[in-house]
Amino acid sequence: MDEPSEEDTIAILRGLKERYEVHHKVAITDGAIIAAAKLSHRYITDRQLPDKAIDLIDEAASRIRMEIDSKPEVLDRLERRLIQLKVEAQALK
């Protein structure tokens, strides 16, 4: 089976967009879809469209979700210090 064109891949990605948005709980722009099709076609040479573009969208959405869910290191450190101080304050009572 022949590899679909970039335009066909964009149409396929647009059809899958909602599924990945719901799964990862992120918004996927049309620009991201177009970029995934064009850039994966250009730079990922060991696989074919639309699979490589779908994987690119999936990985990018997953990474964004992880960044959204992750606390900044400074905030995490401050929260741990606060807990430590509360424990020490309780011990002094």
Protein backbone atom coordinates (compact mmCIF):
# COMPACT_ATOMS: atom_id res chain seq x y z
CA MET A 1 0.00 0.00 0.00
CA ASP A 2 1.33 3.44 -0.92
CA GLU A 3 2.09 6.06 1.70
CA PRO A 4 -0.65 8.73 1.89
CA SER A 5 0.25 12.29 0.93
CA GLU A 6 0.81 15.03 3.50
CA GLU A 7 -2.64 16.41 2.66
CA ASP A 8 -4.28 13.02 3.22
CA THR A 9 -2.35 12.64 6.47
CA ILE A 10 -3.59 16.05 7.63
CA ALA A 11 -7.16 14.93 6.95
CA ILE A 12 -6.57 11.70 8.88
CA LEU A 13 -5.08 13.62 11.82
CA ARG A 14 -8.01 16.02 11.85
CA GLY A 15 -10.29 13.00 12.11
CA LEU A 16 -8.29 11.63 15.07
CA LYS A 17 -7.83 15.00 16.77
CA GLU A 18 -10.75 14.77 19.20
CA ARG A 19 -9.79 11.27 20.33
CA TYR A 20 -6.28 12.42 21.29
CA GLU A 21 -7.57 15.62 22.89
CA VAL A 22 -9.91 13.62 25.11
CA HIS A 23 -7.31 10.96 25.90
CA HIS A 24 -4.56 13.43 26.88
CA LYS A 25 -6.88 16.22 28.09
CA VAL A 26 -5.13 18.84 25.96
CA ALA A 27 -6.12 20.99 22.99
CA ILE A 28 -4.48 20.19 19.66
CA THR A 29 -4.38 23.08 17.21
CA ASP A 30 -4.74 22.76 13.47
CA GLY A 31 -1.25 24.21 13.16
CA ALA A 32 0.10 21.35 15.27
CA ILE A 33 -1.63 18.84 13.00
CA ILE A 34 -0.19 20.42 9.86
CA ALA A 35 3.28 20.64 11.42
CA ALA A 36 3.14 17.00 12.54
CA ALA A 37 2.32 15.85 9.01
CA LYS A 38 4.94 18.01 7.30
CA LEU A 39 7.77 17.59 9.81
CA SER A 40 7.31 13.86 10.32
CA HIS A 41 7.32 13.39 6.55
CA ARG A 42 10.54 15.38 6.26
CA TYR A 43 12.51 14.13 9.27
CA ILE A 44 11.27 10.65 10.23
CA THR A 45 12.57 8.49 7.41
CA ASP A 46 12.24 4.99 8.83
CA ARG A 47 8.42 4.95 8.95
CA GLN A 48 5.50 5.98 6.77
CA LEU A 49 2.69 8.48 6.95
CA PRO A 50 0.23 8.61 8.63
CA ASP A 51 1.73 6.42 11.40
CA LYS A 52 4.72 8.64 12.08
CA ALA A 53 2.56 11.78 12.20
CA ILE A 54 0.04 10.10 14.51
CA ASP A 55 2.84 9.02 16.84
CA LEU A 56 4.27 12.54 16.80
CA ILE A 57 0.90 14.03 17.83
CA ASP A 58 0.48 11.35 20.52
CA GLU A 59 3.97 11.91 21.97
CA ALA A 60 3.65 15.70 21.92
CA ALA A 61 0.23 15.63 23.60
CA SER A 62 1.56 13.21 26.22
CA ARG A 63 4.53 15.43 26.95
CA ILE A 64 2.33 18.52 27.30
CA ARG A 65 0.04 16.62 29.69
CA MET A 66 3.04 15.62 31.82
CA GLU A 67 4.26 19.22 31.94
CA ILE A 68 0.82 20.43 32.99
CA ASP A 69 0.57 17.79 35.71
CA SER A 70 4.10 18.29 37.05
CA LYS A 71 4.75 20.73 39.85
CA PRO A 72 7.63 23.13 39.47
CA GLU A 73 10.63 21.93 41.51
CA VAL A 74 10.64 25.10 43.62
CA LEU A 75 7.01 24.61 44.62
CA ASP A 76 7.59 20.95 45.46
CA ARG A 77 10.61 21.82 47.61
CA LEU A 78 8.67 24.54 49.45
CA GLU A 79 5.74 22.21 50.13
CA ARG A 80 8.09 19.56 51.57
CA ARG A 81 9.76 22.19 53.76
CA LEU A 82 6.35 23.36 55.00
CA ILE A 83 5.41 19.81 55.98
CA GLN A 84 8.74 19.41 57.76
CA LEU A 85 8.21 22.65 59.71
CA LYS A 86 4.69 21.57 60.71
CA VAL A 87 6.03 18.26 62.02
CA GLU A 88 8.74 20.10 63.98
CA ALA A 89 6.18 22.55 65.39
CA GLN A 90 3.99 19.65 66.55
CA ALA A 91 7.00 18.02 68.22
CA LEU A 92 7.67 21.22 70.21
CA LYS A 93 4.14 21.32 71.66
